[in-house]
Structure formats: C-alpha cells, structure tokens
Amino acid sequence: LTARELRDDVRIISVAEDREVATYHRYAGADAVVRPR
C-alpha cells in the first residue's frame, strides 16, 4: 500500500507464506504473489 501511494505503475511481487493471506496481498495491490512453500 505504501509503494502504491508513491507510484501506481511500479511492478510489485509479494511472497506469501500462508495460502490464506495471498488474496489480501493481491487486494493491497500486488501484481503477482508467489507461494514457494
């Protein structure tokens, strides 16, 4: 959310440990969410 406030077009990739939180990372504005576990 902080990054999106500063720049809306920057590409953001988030790492999610728990499968249930990946959706919230996307809602926050992540372009891609990886779940390595």
PDB file of all heavy atoms in Angstrom:
ATOM      1  N   LEU A   1       0.827  -1.214   0.000  1.00  0.00           N
ATOM      2  CA  LEU A   1       0.000   0.000   0.000  1.00  0.00           C
ATOM      3  C   LEU A   1       0.859   1.261   0.000  1.00  0.00           C
ATOM      4  O   LEU A   1       0.545   2.246  -0.685  1.00  0.00           O
ATOM      5  CB  LEU A   1      -0.927  -0.011   1.219  1.00  0.00           C
ATOM      6  CG  LEU A   1      -2.035  -1.079   1.207  1.00  0.00           C
ATOM      7  CD1 LEU A   1      -2.713  -1.146   2.578  1.00  0.00           C
ATOM      8  CD2 LEU A   1      -3.056  -0.781   0.118  1.00  0.00           C
ATOM      9  N   THR A   2       1.955   1.250   0.776  1.00  0.00           N
ATOM     10  CA  THR A   2       2.861   2.406   0.812  1.00  0.00           C
ATOM     11  C   THR A   2       3.473   2.643  -0.556  1.00  0.00           C
ATOM     12  O   THR A   2       3.544   3.792  -1.029  1.00  0.00           O
ATOM     13  CB  THR A   2       3.981   2.174   1.853  1.00  0.00           C
ATOM     14  OG1 THR A   2       3.410   1.946   3.133  1.00  0.00           O
ATOM     15  CG2 THR A   2       4.907   3.381   1.922  1.00  0.00           C
ATOM     16  N   ALA A   3       3.909   1.568  -1.218  1.00  0.00           N
ATOM     17  CA  ALA A   3       4.516   1.702  -2.548  1.00  0.00           C
ATOM     18  C   ALA A   3       3.510   2.217  -3.567  1.00  0.00           C
ATOM     19  O   ALA A   3       3.834   3.050  -4.422  1.00  0.00           O
ATOM     20  CB  ALA A   3       5.083   0.357  -2.995  1.00  0.00           C
ATOM     21  N   ARG A   4       2.275   1.742  -3.468  1.00  0.00           N
ATOM     22  CA  ARG A   4       1.237   2.190  -4.407  1.00  0.00           C
ATOM     23  C   ARG A   4       0.904   3.677  -4.211  1.00  0.00           C
ATOM     24  O   ARG A   4       0.547   4.377  -5.161  1.00  0.00           O
ATOM     25  CB  ARG A   4      -0.013   1.339  -4.237  1.00  0.00           C
ATOM     26  CG  ARG A   4       0.105  -0.046  -4.851  1.00  0.00           C
ATOM     27  CD  ARG A   4       0.016   0.028  -6.371  1.00  0.00           C
ATOM     28  NE  ARG A   4       0.217  -1.306  -6.971  1.00  0.00           N
ATOM     29  CZ  ARG A   4       1.161  -1.591  -7.831  1.00  0.00           C
ATOM     30  NH1 ARG A   4       2.002  -0.633  -8.209  1.00  0.00           N
ATOM     31  NH2 ARG A   4       1.283  -2.788  -8.342  1.00  0.00           N
ATOM     32  N   GLU A   5       1.020   4.173  -2.974  1.00  0.00           N
ATOM     33  CA  GLU A   5       0.802   5.591  -2.722  1.00  0.00           C
ATOM     34  C   GLU A   5       1.850   6.440  -3.444  1.00  0.00           C
ATOM     35  O   GLU A   5       1.559   7.537  -3.922  1.00  0.00           O
ATOM     36  CB  GLU A   5       0.853   5.882  -1.218  1.00  0.00           C
ATOM     37  CG  GLU A   5      -0.383   5.464  -0.454  1.00  0.00           C
ATOM     38  CD  GLU A   5      -1.588   6.315  -0.784  1.00  0.00           C
ATOM     39  OE1 GLU A   5      -1.419   7.536  -0.975  1.00  0.00           O
ATOM     40  OE2 GLU A   5      -2.701   5.754  -0.899  1.00  0.00           O
ATOM     41  N   LEU A   6       3.058   5.923  -3.514  1.00  0.00           N
ATOM     42  CA  LEU A   6       4.155   6.677  -4.108  1.00  0.00           C
ATOM     43  C   LEU A   6       4.197   6.536  -5.623  1.00  0.00           C
ATOM     44  O   LEU A   6       4.562   7.468  -6.329  1.00  0.00           O
ATOM     45  CB  LEU A   6       5.493   6.213  -3.513  1.00  0.00           C
ATOM     46  CG  LEU A   6       5.676   6.445  -2.007  1.00  0.00           C
ATOM     47  CD1 LEU A   6       6.988   5.855  -1.539  1.00  0.00           C
ATOM     48  CD2 LEU A   6       5.619   7.935  -1.688  1.00  0.00           C
ATOM     49  N   ARG A   7       3.857   5.329  -6.099  1.00  0.00           N
ATOM     50  CA  ARG A   7       3.946   5.096  -7.547  1.00  0.00           C
ATOM     51  C   ARG A   7       2.982   3.983  -7.934  1.00  0.00           C
ATOM     52  O   ARG A   7       3.162   2.826  -7.536  1.00  0.00           O
ATOM     53  CB  ARG A   7       5.381   4.728  -7.929  1.00  0.00           C
ATOM     54  CG  ARG A   7       5.583   4.551  -9.420  1.00  0.00           C
ATOM     55  CD  ARG A   7       7.012   4.218  -9.730  1.00  0.00           C
ATOM     56  NE  ARG A   7       7.138   3.695 -11.086  1.00  0.00           N
ATOM     57  CZ  ARG A   7       8.207   3.065 -11.552  1.00  0.00           C
ATOM     58  NH1 ARG A   7       9.252   2.883 -10.757  1.00  0.00           N
ATOM     59  NH2 ARG A   7       8.233   2.620 -12.791  1.00  0.00           N
ATOM     60  N   ASP A   8       2.003   4.325  -8.706  1.00  0.00           N
ATOM     61  CA  ASP A   8       0.945   3.374  -9.035  1.00  0.00           C
ATOM     62  C   ASP A   8       1.368   2.353 -10.082  1.00  0.00           C
ATOM     63  O   ASP A   8       0.798   1.263 -10.159  1.00  0.00           O
ATOM     64  CB  ASP A   8      -0.295   4.125  -9.519  1.00  0.00           C
ATOM     65  CG  ASP A   8      -1.495   3.223  -9.645  1.00  0.00           C
ATOM     66  OD1 ASP A   8      -1.847   2.565  -8.644  1.00  0.00           O
ATOM     67  OD2 ASP A   8      -2.084   3.149 -10.748  1.00  0.00           O
ATOM     68  N   ASP A   9       2.391   2.678 -10.902  1.00  0.00           N
ATOM     69  CA  ASP A   9       2.734   1.797 -12.016  1.00  0.00           C
ATOM     70  C   ASP A   9       3.934   0.897 -11.741  1.00  0.00           C
ATOM     71  O   ASP A   9       4.357   0.151 -12.626  1.00  0.00           O
ATOM     72  CB  ASP A   9       3.007   2.614 -13.275  1.00  0.00           C
ATOM     73  CG  ASP A   9       4.202   3.546 -13.114  1.00  0.00           C
ATOM     74  OD1 ASP A   9       4.549   3.866 -11.952  1.00  0.00           O
ATOM     75  OD2 ASP A   9       4.780   3.962 -14.131  1.00  0.00           O
ATOM     76  N   VAL A  10       4.519   0.954 -10.534  1.00  0.00           N
ATOM     77  CA  VAL A  10       5.667   0.093 -10.248  1.00  0.00           C
ATOM     78  C   VAL A  10       5.188  -1.352 -10.119  1.00  0.00           C
ATOM     79  O   VAL A  10       4.115  -1.620  -9.567  1.00  0.00           O
ATOM     80  CB  VAL A  10       6.400   0.538  -8.966  1.00  0.00           C
ATOM     81  CG1 VAL A  10       5.535   0.341  -7.735  1.00  0.00           C
ATOM     82  CG2 VAL A  10       7.719  -0.207  -8.808  1.00  0.00           C
ATOM     83  N   ARG A  11       5.962  -2.269 -10.640  1.00  0.00           N
ATOM     84  CA  ARG A  11       5.602  -3.686 -10.564  1.00  0.00           C
ATOM     85  C   ARG A  11       5.949  -4.224  -9.183  1.00  0.00           C
ATOM     86  O   ARG A  11       7.074  -4.071  -8.722  1.00  0.00           O
ATOM     87  CB  ARG A  11       6.349  -4.482 -11.631  1.00  0.00           C
ATOM     88  CG  ARG A  11       5.789  -5.877 -11.828  1.00  0.00           C
ATOM     89  CD  ARG A  11       6.505  -6.591 -12.937  1.00  0.00           C
ATOM     90  NE  ARG A  11       5.867  -7.856 -13.247  1.00  0.00           N
ATOM     91  CZ  ARG A  11       6.423  -8.818 -13.970  1.00  0.00           C
ATOM     92  NH1 ARG A  11       7.641  -8.637 -14.463  1.00  0.00           N
ATOM     93  NH2 ARG A  11       5.782  -9.940 -14.207  1.00  0.00           N
ATOM     94  N   ILE A  12       4.974  -4.870  -8.539  1.00  0.00           N
ATOM     95  CA  ILE A  12       5.159  -5.359  -7.171  1.00  0.00           C
ATOM     96  C   ILE A  12       4.925  -6.859  -7.130  1.00  0.00           C
ATOM     97  O   ILE A  12       3.879  -7.350  -7.564  1.00  0.00           O
ATOM     98  CB  ILE A  12       4.203  -4.651  -6.190  1.00  0.00           C
ATOM     99  CG1 ILE A  12       4.478  -3.145  -6.166  1.00  0.00           C
ATOM    100  CG2 ILE A  12       4.340  -5.236  -4.793  1.00  0.00           C
ATOM    101  CD1 ILE A  12       3.537  -2.363  -5.267  1.00  0.00           C
ATOM    102  N   ILE A  13       5.909  -7.589  -6.607  1.00  0.00           N
ATOM    103  CA  ILE A  13       5.801  -9.036  -6.411  1.00  0.00           C
ATOM    104  C   ILE A  13       5.915  -9.309  -4.924  1.00  0.00           C
ATOM    105  O   ILE A  13       6.875  -8.879  -4.275  1.00  0.00           O
ATOM    106  CB  ILE A  13       6.890  -9.813  -7.182  1.00  0.00           C
ATOM    107  CG1 ILE A  13       6.767  -9.557  -8.684  1.00  0.00           C
ATOM    108  CG2 ILE A  13       6.771 -11.299  -6.899  1.00  0.00           C
ATOM    109  CD1 ILE A  13       7.640  -8.453  -9.191  1.00  0.00           C
ATOM    110  N   SER A  14       4.944 -10.015  -4.368  1.00  0.00           N
ATOM    111  CA  SER A  14       4.921 -10.299  -2.936  1.00  0.00           C
ATOM    112  C   SER A  14       5.069 -11.801  -2.704  1.00  0.00           C
ATOM    113  O   SER A  14       4.568 -12.623  -3.485  1.00  0.00           O
ATOM    114  CB  SER A  14       3.601  -9.805  -2.330  1.00  0.00           C
ATOM    115  OG  SER A  14       3.560 -10.045  -0.944  1.00  0.00           O
ATOM    116  N   VAL A  15       5.753 -12.139  -1.622  1.00  0.00           N
ATOM    117  CA  VAL A  15       5.926 -13.540  -1.228  1.00  0.00           C
ATOM    118  C   VAL A  15       4.969 -13.844  -0.083  1.00  0.00           C
ATOM    119  O   VAL A  15       4.981 -13.156   0.946  1.00  0.00           O
ATOM    120  CB  VAL A  15       7.378 -13.830  -0.786  1.00  0.00           C
ATOM    121  CG1 VAL A  15       7.524 -15.291  -0.362  1.00  0.00           C
ATOM    122  CG2 VAL A  15       8.351 -13.502  -1.912  1.00  0.00           C
ATOM    123  N   ALA A  16       4.123 -14.853  -0.247  1.00  0.00           N
ATOM    124  CA  ALA A  16       3.152 -15.240   0.774  1.00  0.00           C
ATOM    125  C   ALA A  16       3.510 -16.612   1.321  1.00  0.00           C
ATOM    126  O   ALA A  16       3.750 -17.551   0.570  1.00  0.00           O
ATOM    127  CB  ALA A  16       1.736 -15.261   0.195  1.00  0.00           C
ATOM    128  N   GLU A  17       3.574 -16.711   2.626  1.00  0.00           N
ATOM    129  CA  GLU A  17       3.858 -17.995   3.264  1.00  0.00           C
ATOM    130  C   GLU A  17       2.585 -18.830   3.394  1.00  0.00           C
ATOM    131  O   GLU A  17       2.563 -20.019   3.091  1.00  0.00           O
ATOM    132  CB  GLU A  17       4.462 -17.754   4.653  1.00  0.00           C
ATOM    133  CG  GLU A  17       5.707 -16.884   4.672  1.00  0.00           C
ATOM    134  CD  GLU A  17       6.913 -17.575   4.082  1.00  0.00           C
ATOM    135  OE1 GLU A  17       6.791 -18.730   3.669  1.00  0.00           O
ATOM    136  OE2 GLU A  17       7.983 -16.953   4.027  1.00  0.00           O
ATOM    137  N   ASP A  18       1.519 -18.205   3.855  1.00  0.00           N
ATOM    138  CA  ASP A  18       0.257 -18.890   4.117  1.00  0.00           C
ATOM    139  C   ASP A  18      -0.673 -18.701   2.923  1.00  0.00           C
ATOM    140  O   ASP A  18      -0.836 -17.589   2.416  1.00  0.00           O
ATOM    141  CB  ASP A  18      -0.388 -18.321   5.387  1.00  0.00           C
ATOM    142  CG  ASP A  18      -1.531 -19.183   5.897  1.00  0.00           C
ATOM    143  OD1 ASP A  18      -2.334 -19.647   5.064  1.00  0.00           O
ATOM    144  OD2 ASP A  18      -1.631 -19.376   7.122  1.00  0.00           O
ATOM    145  N   ARG A  19      -1.299 -19.771   2.493  1.00  0.00           N
ATOM    146  CA  ARG A  19      -2.168 -19.698   1.323  1.00  0.00           C
ATOM    147  C   ARG A  19      -3.340 -18.743   1.540  1.00  0.00           C
ATOM    148  O   ARG A  19      -3.848 -18.143   0.588  1.00  0.00           O
ATOM    149  CB  ARG A  19      -2.680 -21.105   0.984  1.00  0.00           C
ATOM    150  CG  ARG A  19      -3.682 -21.678   1.976  1.00  0.00           C
ATOM    151  CD  ARG A  19      -4.077 -23.093   1.619  1.00  0.00           C
ATOM    152  NE  ARG A  19      -2.981 -24.019   1.867  1.00  0.00           N
ATOM    153  CZ  ARG A  19      -3.029 -25.315   1.536  1.00  0.00           C
ATOM    154  NH1 ARG A  19      -4.089 -25.794   0.941  1.00  0.00           N
ATOM    155  NH2 ARG A  19      -2.001 -26.102   1.801  1.00  0.00           N
ATOM    156  N   GLU A  20      -3.788 -18.574   2.789  1.00  0.00           N
ATOM    157  CA  GLU A  20      -4.970 -17.761   3.061  1.00  0.00           C
ATOM    158  C   GLU A  20      -4.708 -16.262   2.929  1.00  0.00           C
ATOM    159  O   GLU A  20      -5.646 -15.486   2.756  1.00  0.00           O
ATOM    160  CB  GLU A  20      -5.506 -18.075   4.459  1.00  0.00           C
ATOM    161  CG  GLU A  20      -5.975 -19.517   4.626  1.00  0.00           C
ATOM    162  CD  GLU A  20      -6.442 -19.801   6.035  1.00  0.00           C
ATOM    163  OE1 GLU A  20      -6.356 -18.890   6.880  1.00  0.00           O
ATOM    164  OE2 GLU A  20      -6.903 -20.928   6.287  1.00  0.00           O
ATOM    165  N   VAL A  21      -3.439 -15.845   3.049  1.00  0.00           N
ATOM    166  CA  VAL A  21      -3.144 -14.406   3.009  1.00  0.00           C
ATOM    167  C   VAL A  21      -2.810 -13.921   1.609  1.00  0.00           C
ATOM    168  O   VAL A  21      -2.737 -12.713   1.380  1.00  0.00           O
ATOM    169  CB  VAL A  21      -1.984 -14.054   3.966  1.00  0.00           C
ATOM    170  CG1 VAL A  21      -2.270 -14.518   5.372  1.00  0.00           C
ATOM    171  CG2 VAL A  21      -0.666 -14.630   3.465  1.00  0.00           C
ATOM    172  N   ALA A  22      -2.597 -14.831   0.667  1.00  0.00           N
ATOM    173  CA  ALA A  22      -2.209 -14.424  -0.691  1.00  0.00           C
ATOM    174  C   ALA A  22      -3.249 -13.501  -1.304  1.00  0.00           C
ATOM    175  O   ALA A  22      -2.913 -12.532  -2.002  1.00  0.00           O
ATOM    176  CB  ALA A  22      -2.007 -15.661  -1.569  1.00  0.00           C
ATOM    177  N   THR A  23      -4.525 -13.772  -1.027  1.00  0.00           N
ATOM    178  CA  THR A  23      -5.596 -12.935  -1.573  1.00  0.00           C
ATOM    179  C   THR A  23      -5.481 -11.497  -1.080  1.00  0.00           C
ATOM    180  O   THR A  23      -5.684 -10.538  -1.847  1.00  0.00           O
ATOM    181  CB  THR A  23      -6.969 -13.501  -1.175  1.00  0.00           C
ATOM    182  OG1 THR A  23      -7.066 -14.845  -1.661  1.00  0.00           O
ATOM    183  CG2 THR A  23      -8.090 -12.665  -1.758  1.00  0.00           C
ATOM    184  N   TYR A  24      -5.138 -11.310   0.193  1.00  0.00           N
ATOM    185  CA  TYR A  24      -5.030  -9.961   0.752  1.00  0.00           C
ATOM    186  C   TYR A  24      -3.850  -9.200   0.149  1.00  0.00           C
ATOM    187  O   TYR A  24      -3.908  -7.970   0.014  1.00  0.00           O
ATOM    188  CB  TYR A  24      -4.907 -10.034   2.269  1.00  0.00           C
ATOM    189  CG  TYR A  24      -6.089 -10.718   2.918  1.00  0.00           C
ATOM    190  CD1 TYR A  24      -5.961 -11.958   3.517  1.00  0.00           C
ATOM    191  CD2 TYR A  24      -7.348 -10.126   2.894  1.00  0.00           C
ATOM    192  CE1 TYR A  24      -7.049 -12.609   4.092  1.00  0.00           C
ATOM    193  CE2 TYR A  24      -8.444 -10.759   3.468  1.00  0.00           C
ATOM    194  CZ  TYR A  24      -8.291 -11.998   4.065  1.00  0.00           C
ATOM    195  OH  TYR A  24      -9.365 -12.627   4.612  1.00  0.00           O
ATOM    196  N   HIS A  25      -2.803  -9.916  -0.202  1.00  0.00           N
ATOM    197  CA  HIS A  25      -1.673  -9.265  -0.861  1.00  0.00           C
ATOM    198  C   HIS A  25      -2.109  -8.715  -2.219  1.00  0.00           C
ATOM    199  O   HIS A  25      -1.696  -7.623  -2.623  1.00  0.00           O
ATOM    200  CB  HIS A  25      -0.518 -10.244  -1.037  1.00  0.00           C
ATOM    201  CG  HIS A  25       0.122 -10.636   0.256  1.00  0.00           C
ATOM    202  ND1 HIS A  25       1.396 -11.180   0.319  1.00  0.00           N
ATOM    203  CD2 HIS A  25      -0.306 -10.573   1.537  1.00  0.00           C
ATOM    204  CE1 HIS A  25       1.698 -11.434   1.591  1.00  0.00           C
ATOM    205  NE2 HIS A  25       0.683 -11.074   2.336  1.00  0.00           N
ATOM    206  N   ARG A  26      -2.941  -9.485  -2.926  1.00  0.00           N
ATOM    207  CA  ARG A  26      -3.448  -9.010  -4.222  1.00  0.00           C
ATOM    208  C   ARG A  26      -4.394  -7.824  -4.033  1.00  0.00           C
ATOM    209  O   ARG A  26      -4.349  -6.857  -4.800  1.00  0.00           O
ATOM    210  CB  ARG A  26      -4.162 -10.149  -4.956  1.00  0.00           C
ATOM    211  CG  ARG A  26      -3.239 -11.276  -5.417  1.00  0.00           C
ATOM    212  CD  ARG A  26      -3.965 -12.257  -6.322  1.00  0.00           C
ATOM    213  NE  ARG A  26      -3.083 -13.345  -6.729  1.00  0.00           N
ATOM    214  CZ  ARG A  26      -2.963 -14.482  -6.058  1.00  0.00           C
ATOM    215  NH1 ARG A  26      -3.686 -14.672  -4.946  1.00  0.00           N
ATOM    216  NH2 ARG A  26      -2.145 -15.425  -6.478  1.00  0.00           N
ATOM    217  N   TYR A  27      -5.251  -7.901  -3.024  1.00  0.00           N
ATOM    218  CA  TYR A  27      -6.156  -6.789  -2.750  1.00  0.00           C
ATOM    219  C   TYR A  27      -5.374  -5.512  -2.455  1.00  0.00           C
ATOM    220  O   TYR A  27      -5.796  -4.406  -2.820  1.00  0.00           O
ATOM    221  CB  TYR A  27      -7.050  -7.110  -1.544  1.00  0.00           C
ATOM    222  CG  TYR A  27      -8.174  -8.071  -1.841  1.00  0.00           C
ATOM    223  CD1 TYR A  27      -8.827  -8.744  -0.813  1.00  0.00           C
ATOM    224  CD2 TYR A  27      -8.603  -8.314  -3.143  1.00  0.00           C
ATOM    225  CE1 TYR A  27      -9.863  -9.639  -1.070  1.00  0.00           C
ATOM    226  CE2 TYR A  27      -9.623  -9.201  -3.417  1.00  0.00           C
ATOM    227  CZ  TYR A  27     -10.257  -9.854  -2.380  1.00  0.00           C
ATOM    228  OH  TYR A  27     -11.276 -10.738  -2.641  1.00  0.00           O
ATOM    229  N   ALA A  28      -4.240  -5.648  -1.773  1.00  0.00           N
ATOM    230  CA  ALA A  28      -3.432  -4.475  -1.418  1.00  0.00           C
ATOM    231  C   ALA A  28      -2.793  -3.838  -2.642  1.00  0.00           C
ATOM    232  O   ALA A  28      -2.416  -2.655  -2.597  1.00  0.00           O
ATOM    233  CB  ALA A  28      -2.356  -4.858  -0.405  1.00  0.00           C
ATOM    234  N   GLY A  29      -2.647  -4.612  -3.736  1.00  0.00           N
ATOM    235  CA  GLY A  29      -2.104  -4.041  -4.955  1.00  0.00           C
ATOM    236  C   GLY A  29      -0.927  -4.774  -5.554  1.00  0.00           C
ATOM    237  O   GLY A  29      -0.284  -4.256  -6.477  1.00  0.00           O
ATOM    238  N   ALA A  30      -0.613  -5.982  -5.089  1.00  0.00           N
ATOM    239  CA  ALA A  30       0.496  -6.744  -5.662  1.00  0.00           C
ATOM    240  C   ALA A  30       0.131  -7.217  -7.069  1.00  0.00           C
ATOM    241  O   ALA A  30      -0.987  -7.684  -7.308  1.00  0.00           O
ATOM    242  CB  ALA A  30       0.835  -7.937  -4.780  1.00  0.00           C
ATOM    243  N   ASP A  31       1.075  -7.095  -7.995  1.00  0.00           N
ATOM    244  CA  ASP A  31       0.853  -7.583  -9.360  1.00  0.00           C
ATOM    245  C   ASP A  31       0.960  -9.095  -9.440  1.00  0.00           C
ATOM    246  O   ASP A  31       0.302  -9.727 -10.267  1.00  0.00           O
ATOM    247  CB  ASP A  31       1.874  -6.948 -10.311  1.00  0.00           C
ATOM    248  CG  ASP A  31       1.705  -5.438 -10.399  1.00  0.00           C
ATOM    249  OD1 ASP A  31       0.665  -5.001 -10.917  1.00  0.00           O
ATOM    250  OD2 ASP A  31       2.602  -4.715  -9.929  1.00  0.00           O
ATOM    251  N   ALA A  32       1.804  -9.662  -8.600  1.00  0.00           N
ATOM    252  CA  ALA A  32       1.975 -11.121  -8.568  1.00  0.00           C
ATOM    253  C   ALA A  32       2.278 -11.541  -7.139  1.00  0.00           C
ATOM    254  O   ALA A  32       2.941 -10.817  -6.398  1.00  0.00           O
ATOM    255  CB  ALA A  32       3.099 -11.551  -9.503  1.00  0.00           C
ATOM    256  N   VAL A  33       1.781 -12.694  -6.763  1.00  0.00           N
ATOM    257  CA  VAL A  33       2.043 -13.258  -5.433  1.00  0.00           C
ATOM    258  C   VAL A  33       2.582 -14.671  -5.630  1.00  0.00           C
ATOM    259  O   VAL A  33       1.945 -15.500  -6.307  1.00  0.00           O
ATOM    260  CB  VAL A  33       0.771 -13.309  -4.571  1.00  0.00           C
ATOM    261  CG1 VAL A  33       1.079 -13.904  -3.199  1.00  0.00           C
ATOM    262  CG2 VAL A  33       0.175 -11.917  -4.411  1.00  0.00           C
ATOM    263  N   VAL A  34       3.751 -14.946  -5.092  1.00  0.00           N
ATOM    264  CA  VAL A  34       4.333 -16.286  -5.194  1.00  0.00           C
ATOM    265  C   VAL A  34       4.212 -16.992  -3.848  1.00  0.00           C
ATOM    266  O   VAL A  34       4.337 -16.377  -2.798  1.00  0.00           O
ATOM    267  CB  VAL A  34       5.809 -16.236  -5.650  1.00  0.00           C
ATOM    268  CG1 VAL A  34       5.929 -15.584  -7.014  1.00  0.00           C
ATOM    269  CG2 VAL A  34       6.679 -15.497  -4.652  1.00  0.00           C
ATOM    270  N   ARG A  35       3.966 -18.286  -3.925  1.00  0.00           N
ATOM    271  CA  ARG A  35       3.799 -19.090  -2.709  1.00  0.00           C
ATOM    272  C   ARG A  35       4.767 -20.264  -2.764  1.00  0.00           C
ATOM    273  O   ARG A  35       4.404 -21.376  -3.136  1.00  0.00           O
ATOM    274  CB  ARG A  35       2.356 -19.574  -2.615  1.00  0.00           C
ATOM    275  CG  ARG A  35       1.351 -18.447  -2.393  1.00  0.00           C
ATOM    276  CD  ARG A  35      -0.057 -18.883  -2.650  1.00  0.00           C
ATOM    277  NE  ARG A  35      -0.393 -20.082  -1.890  1.00  0.00           N
ATOM    278  CZ  ARG A  35      -1.453 -20.843  -2.143  1.00  0.00           C
ATOM    279  NH1 ARG A  35      -2.254 -20.529  -3.136  1.00  0.00           N
ATOM    280  NH2 ARG A  35      -1.704 -21.902  -1.409  1.00  0.00           N
ATOM    281  N   PRO A  36       6.018 -20.029  -2.436  1.00  0.00           N
ATOM    282  CA  PRO A  36       7.050 -21.067  -2.596  1.00  0.00           C
ATOM    283  C   PRO A  36       6.847 -22.284  -1.707  1.00  0.00           C
ATOM    284  O   PRO A  36       7.223 -23.395  -2.089  1.00  0.00           O
ATOM    285  CB  PRO A  36       8.350 -20.330  -2.256  1.00  0.00           C
ATOM    286  CG  PRO A  36       7.918 -19.171  -1.411  1.00  0.00           C
ATOM    287  CD  PRO A  36       6.579 -18.779  -1.924  1.00  0.00           C
ATOM    288  N   ARG A  37       6.267 -22.108  -0.519  1.00  0.00           N
ATOM    289  CA  ARG A  37       6.097 -23.254   0.363  1.00  0.00           C
ATOM    290  C   ARG A  37       5.147 -24.280  -0.246  1.00  0.00           C
ATOM    291  O   ARG A  37       5.336 -25.488  -0.076  1.00  0.00           O
ATOM    292  CB  ARG A  37       5.589 -22.792   1.733  1.00  0.00           C
ATOM    293  CG  ARG A  37       6.611 -22.006   2.533  1.00  0.00           C
ATOM    294  CD  ARG A  37       6.038 -21.474   3.831  1.00  0.00           C
ATOM    295  NE  ARG A  37       6.975 -20.598   4.512  1.00  0.00           N
ATOM    296  CZ  ARG A  37       7.834 -20.990   5.452  1.00  0.00           C
ATOM    297  NH1 ARG A  37       7.845 -22.249   5.830  1.00  0.00           N
ATOM    298  NH2 ARG A  37       8.661 -20.139   6.007  1.00  0.00           N
TER     299      ARG A  37
END
